Amino acid sequence: MKFRKKPVEIEATQWFKMGDHPAVEMHRNQVLVDGLPPYGWIDTLEGGHVVTPGDWIITGVKGEHYPCKPDIFEMTYDAIDHIQR
């Protein structure tokens, strides 16, 4: 059998530095570079994940957050300018 993913609208924010998204924290085992951490940490339903600059932080259908690499995000999602009802 084959299945097609249901179309779901998501919210996403591209992350570049601490403060870009409230769900991203500083990784607990990193050294600061010029006072700025090079990556972050996000707790997801599957456990924690490293977030690197340029990653998208997606808010899922249950309000959960998870990171997505830019190339995968671009292949998977299209921007919507307005909601059609």
N, C-alpha and C. Protein backbone atom coordinates (compact mmCIF):
# COMPACT_ATOMS: atom_id res chain seq x y z
N MET A 1 0.83 -1.19 0.00
CA MET A 1 0.00 0.00 0.00
C MET A 1 0.87 1.24 0.00
N LYS A 2 0.37 2.27 -0.63
CA LYS A 2 1.02 3.56 -0.59
C LYS A 2 0.10 4.55 0.11
N PHE A 3 0.71 5.53 0.76
CA PHE A 3 -0.05 6.55 1.47
C PHE A 3 0.49 7.92 1.10
N ARG A 4 -0.38 8.91 1.18
CA ARG A 4 0.00 10.29 0.94
C ARG A 4 -0.19 11.07 2.24
N LYS A 5 0.77 11.88 2.57
CA LYS A 5 0.69 12.70 3.77
C LYS A 5 -0.43 13.73 3.60
N LYS A 6 -1.26 13.86 4.63
CA LYS A 6 -2.33 14.85 4.60
C LYS A 6 -1.73 16.25 4.57
N PRO A 7 -2.33 17.15 3.81
CA PRO A 7 -1.80 18.52 3.82
C PRO A 7 -2.11 19.18 5.16
N VAL A 8 -1.07 19.68 5.80
CA VAL A 8 -1.20 20.32 7.11
C VAL A 8 -0.42 21.62 7.07
N GLU A 9 -1.03 22.70 7.51
CA GLU A 9 -0.32 23.96 7.60
C GLU A 9 0.46 23.96 8.91
N ILE A 10 1.70 24.43 8.85
CA ILE A 10 2.55 24.48 10.03
C ILE A 10 3.07 25.90 10.23
N GLU A 11 3.53 26.17 11.42
CA GLU A 11 4.25 27.41 11.69
C GLU A 11 5.71 27.04 11.81
N ALA A 12 6.59 27.88 11.28
CA ALA A 12 8.02 27.62 11.37
C ALA A 12 8.78 28.93 11.43
N THR A 13 9.91 28.90 12.14
CA THR A 13 10.79 30.04 12.28
C THR A 13 12.19 29.57 11.97
N GLN A 14 12.91 30.29 11.11
CA GLN A 14 14.29 29.89 10.84
C GLN A 14 15.16 30.41 11.98
N TRP A 15 16.03 29.54 12.49
CA TRP A 15 16.86 29.84 13.65
C TRP A 15 18.29 30.12 13.23
N PHE A 16 18.84 31.21 13.73
CA PHE A 16 20.24 31.55 13.45
C PHE A 16 21.05 31.76 14.72
N LYS A 17 20.37 32.17 15.80
CA LYS A 17 21.09 32.45 17.05
C LYS A 17 20.12 32.35 18.23
N MET A 18 20.70 32.30 19.41
CA MET A 18 19.88 32.23 20.61
C MET A 18 18.95 33.44 20.65
N GLY A 19 17.71 33.19 21.00
CA GLY A 19 16.71 34.25 21.06
C GLY A 19 15.79 34.27 19.86
N ASP A 20 16.16 33.53 18.78
CA ASP A 20 15.30 33.51 17.59
C ASP A 20 14.02 32.70 17.81
N HIS A 21 14.05 31.73 18.72
CA HIS A 21 12.86 30.92 19.00
C HIS A 21 12.89 30.53 20.48
N PRO A 22 11.77 30.71 21.19
CA PRO A 22 11.76 30.45 22.63
C PRO A 22 11.98 28.99 23.02
N ALA A 23 11.77 28.05 22.12
CA ALA A 23 11.94 26.64 22.45
C ALA A 23 13.40 26.18 22.36
N VAL A 24 14.27 27.01 21.77
CA VAL A 24 15.68 26.63 21.62
C VAL A 24 16.47 27.17 22.80
N GLU A 25 17.20 26.27 23.44
CA GLU A 25 18.04 26.64 24.59
C GLU A 25 19.50 26.47 24.20
N MET A 26 20.40 27.04 25.01
CA MET A 26 21.81 26.83 24.77
C MET A 26 22.14 25.38 25.10
N HIS A 27 22.91 24.75 24.25
CA HIS A 27 23.31 23.36 24.47
C HIS A 27 24.15 23.31 25.73
N ARG A 28 23.87 22.37 26.60
CA ARG A 28 24.50 22.33 27.92
C ARG A 28 25.98 21.97 27.91
N ASN A 29 26.51 21.39 26.84
CA ASN A 29 27.91 20.96 26.83
C ASN A 29 28.75 21.69 25.79
N GLN A 30 28.45 22.95 25.52
CA GLN A 30 29.21 23.66 24.50
C GLN A 30 30.01 24.81 25.09
N VAL A 31 31.00 25.20 24.36
CA VAL A 31 31.84 26.33 24.72
C VAL A 31 31.39 27.52 23.89
N LEU A 32 31.29 28.67 24.53
CA LEU A 32 30.89 29.87 23.80
C LEU A 32 32.00 30.32 22.87
N VAL A 33 31.65 30.76 21.67
CA VAL A 33 32.59 31.30 20.70
C VAL A 33 32.28 32.77 20.54
N ASP A 34 33.22 33.64 20.90
CA ASP A 34 32.99 35.09 20.87
C ASP A 34 31.74 35.47 21.64
N GLY A 35 31.45 34.74 22.71
CA GLY A 35 30.30 35.03 23.55
C GLY A 35 28.99 34.50 23.01
N LEU A 36 29.01 33.90 21.81
CA LEU A 36 27.79 33.38 21.21
C LEU A 36 27.89 31.87 20.99
N PRO A 37 26.88 31.14 21.38
CA PRO A 37 26.92 29.70 21.12
C PRO A 37 26.73 29.40 19.64
N PRO A 38 27.48 28.43 19.09
CA PRO A 38 27.34 28.13 17.66
C PRO A 38 26.10 27.29 17.34
N TYR A 39 25.50 26.71 18.35
CA TYR A 39 24.31 25.91 18.12
C TYR A 39 23.45 25.88 19.38
N GLY A 40 22.23 25.40 19.21
CA GLY A 40 21.29 25.34 20.33
C GLY A 40 20.81 23.92 20.55
N TRP A 41 19.86 23.79 21.45
CA TRP A 41 19.30 22.51 21.85
C TRP A 41 17.80 22.67 21.97
N ILE A 42 17.06 21.69 21.48
CA ILE A 42 15.61 21.73 21.60
C ILE A 42 15.11 20.37 22.06
N ASP A 43 14.21 20.38 23.02
CA ASP A 43 13.58 19.14 23.48
C ASP A 43 12.38 18.87 22.59
N THR A 44 12.31 17.65 22.06
CA THR A 44 11.20 17.25 21.19
C THR A 44 10.50 16.05 21.81
N LEU A 45 9.43 15.61 21.19
CA LEU A 45 8.71 14.43 21.69
C LEU A 45 9.58 13.18 21.61
N GLU A 46 10.57 13.18 20.71
CA GLU A 46 11.46 12.02 20.54
C GLU A 46 12.75 12.15 21.33
N GLY A 47 12.91 13.23 22.10
CA GLY A 47 14.14 13.49 22.83
C GLY A 47 14.75 14.80 22.36
N GLY A 48 15.95 15.11 22.85
CA GLY A 48 16.59 16.37 22.50
C GLY A 48 17.32 16.31 21.18
N HIS A 49 17.41 17.47 20.52
CA HIS A 49 18.12 17.57 19.24
C HIS A 49 18.96 18.84 19.22
N VAL A 50 20.11 18.77 18.58
CA VAL A 50 20.95 19.94 18.36
C VAL A 50 20.31 20.78 17.26
N VAL A 51 20.37 22.10 17.42
CA VAL A 51 19.86 23.05 16.42
C VAL A 51 21.06 23.86 15.94
N THR A 52 21.27 23.90 14.63
CA THR A 52 22.38 24.66 14.07
C THR A 52 21.84 25.86 13.30
N PRO A 53 22.65 26.91 13.14
CA PRO A 53 22.18 28.09 12.43
C PRO A 53 21.62 27.74 11.05
N GLY A 54 20.44 28.28 10.75
CA GLY A 54 19.77 28.02 9.49
C GLY A 54 18.66 26.98 9.59
N ASP A 55 18.67 26.17 10.66
CA ASP A 55 17.61 25.18 10.84
C ASP A 55 16.27 25.88 11.03
N TRP A 56 15.22 25.23 10.59
CA TRP A 56 13.86 25.71 10.82
C TRP A 56 13.32 25.03 12.07
N ILE A 57 12.64 25.79 12.92
CA ILE A 57 11.96 25.23 14.09
C ILE A 57 10.49 25.18 13.73
N ILE A 58 9.98 23.96 13.66
CA ILE A 58 8.59 23.74 13.25
C ILE A 58 7.73 23.50 14.48
N THR A 59 6.56 24.10 14.49
CA THR A 59 5.57 23.82 15.52
C THR A 59 4.60 22.79 14.94
N GLY A 60 4.54 21.62 15.57
CA GLY A 60 3.71 20.53 15.07
C GLY A 60 2.24 20.71 15.40
N VAL A 61 1.44 19.75 14.96
CA VAL A 61 -0.02 19.83 15.11
C VAL A 61 -0.48 19.78 16.56
N LYS A 62 0.36 19.28 17.46
CA LYS A 62 0.02 19.24 18.89
C LYS A 62 0.75 20.31 19.69
N GLY A 63 1.37 21.28 18.99
CA GLY A 63 2.08 22.35 19.66
C GLY A 63 3.52 22.01 19.99
N GLU A 64 3.97 20.82 19.61
CA GLU A 64 5.35 20.42 19.87
C GLU A 64 6.29 21.12 18.89
N HIS A 65 7.57 21.19 19.24
CA HIS A 65 8.57 21.84 18.39
C HIS A 65 9.63 20.82 17.99
N TYR A 66 10.14 20.99 16.78
CA TYR A 66 11.24 20.15 16.33
C TYR A 66 12.00 20.87 15.22
N PRO A 67 13.32 20.59 15.11
CA PRO A 67 14.13 21.24 14.08
C PRO A 67 14.05 20.51 12.76
N CYS A 68 14.29 21.25 11.68
CA CYS A 68 14.32 20.68 10.34
C CYS A 68 15.43 21.38 9.56
N LYS A 69 16.29 20.60 8.93
CA LYS A 69 17.39 21.17 8.14
C LYS A 69 16.81 21.94 6.94
N PRO A 70 17.48 23.04 6.54
CA PRO A 70 16.95 23.89 5.48
C PRO A 70 16.66 23.16 4.17
N ASP A 71 17.51 22.23 3.75
CA ASP A 71 17.27 21.54 2.48
C ASP A 71 16.04 20.65 2.55
N ILE A 72 15.83 19.97 3.67
CA ILE A 72 14.65 19.13 3.84
C ILE A 72 13.40 20.00 3.93
N PHE A 73 13.50 21.12 4.64
CA PHE A 73 12.37 22.04 4.76
C PHE A 73 11.94 22.53 3.39
N GLU A 74 12.92 22.93 2.56
CA GLU A 74 12.61 23.45 1.23
C GLU A 74 11.95 22.39 0.34
N MET A 75 12.36 21.12 0.48
CA MET A 75 11.77 20.06 -0.33
C MET A 75 10.38 19.66 0.15
N THR A 76 10.07 19.95 1.42
CA THR A 76 8.85 19.47 2.04
C THR A 76 7.74 20.52 2.12
N TYR A 77 8.10 21.78 2.30
CA TYR A 77 7.11 22.82 2.57
C TYR A 77 7.13 23.93 1.54
N ASP A 78 5.96 24.50 1.27
CA ASP A 78 5.80 25.69 0.44
C ASP A 78 5.22 26.79 1.32
N ALA A 79 5.67 28.02 1.12
CA ALA A 79 5.11 29.14 1.87
C ALA A 79 3.70 29.43 1.39
N ILE A 80 2.84 29.85 2.31
CA ILE A 80 1.48 30.25 1.94
C ILE A 80 1.35 31.72 2.29
N ASP A 81 0.86 32.49 1.33
CA ASP A 81 0.70 33.93 1.56
C ASP A 81 -0.58 34.25 2.31
N HIS A 82 -1.60 33.41 2.10
CA HIS A 82 -2.87 33.64 2.78
C HIS A 82 -3.59 32.29 2.92
N ILE A 83 -4.52 32.25 3.83
CA ILE A 83 -5.28 31.04 4.09
C ILE A 83 -6.56 31.08 3.25
N GLN A 84 -6.79 30.05 2.50
CA GLN A 84 -8.03 29.96 1.72
C GLN A 84 -9.07 29.24 2.53
N ARG A 85 -10.23 29.80 2.63
CA ARG A 85 -11.31 29.17 3.42
C ARG A 85 -12.51 28.95 2.56
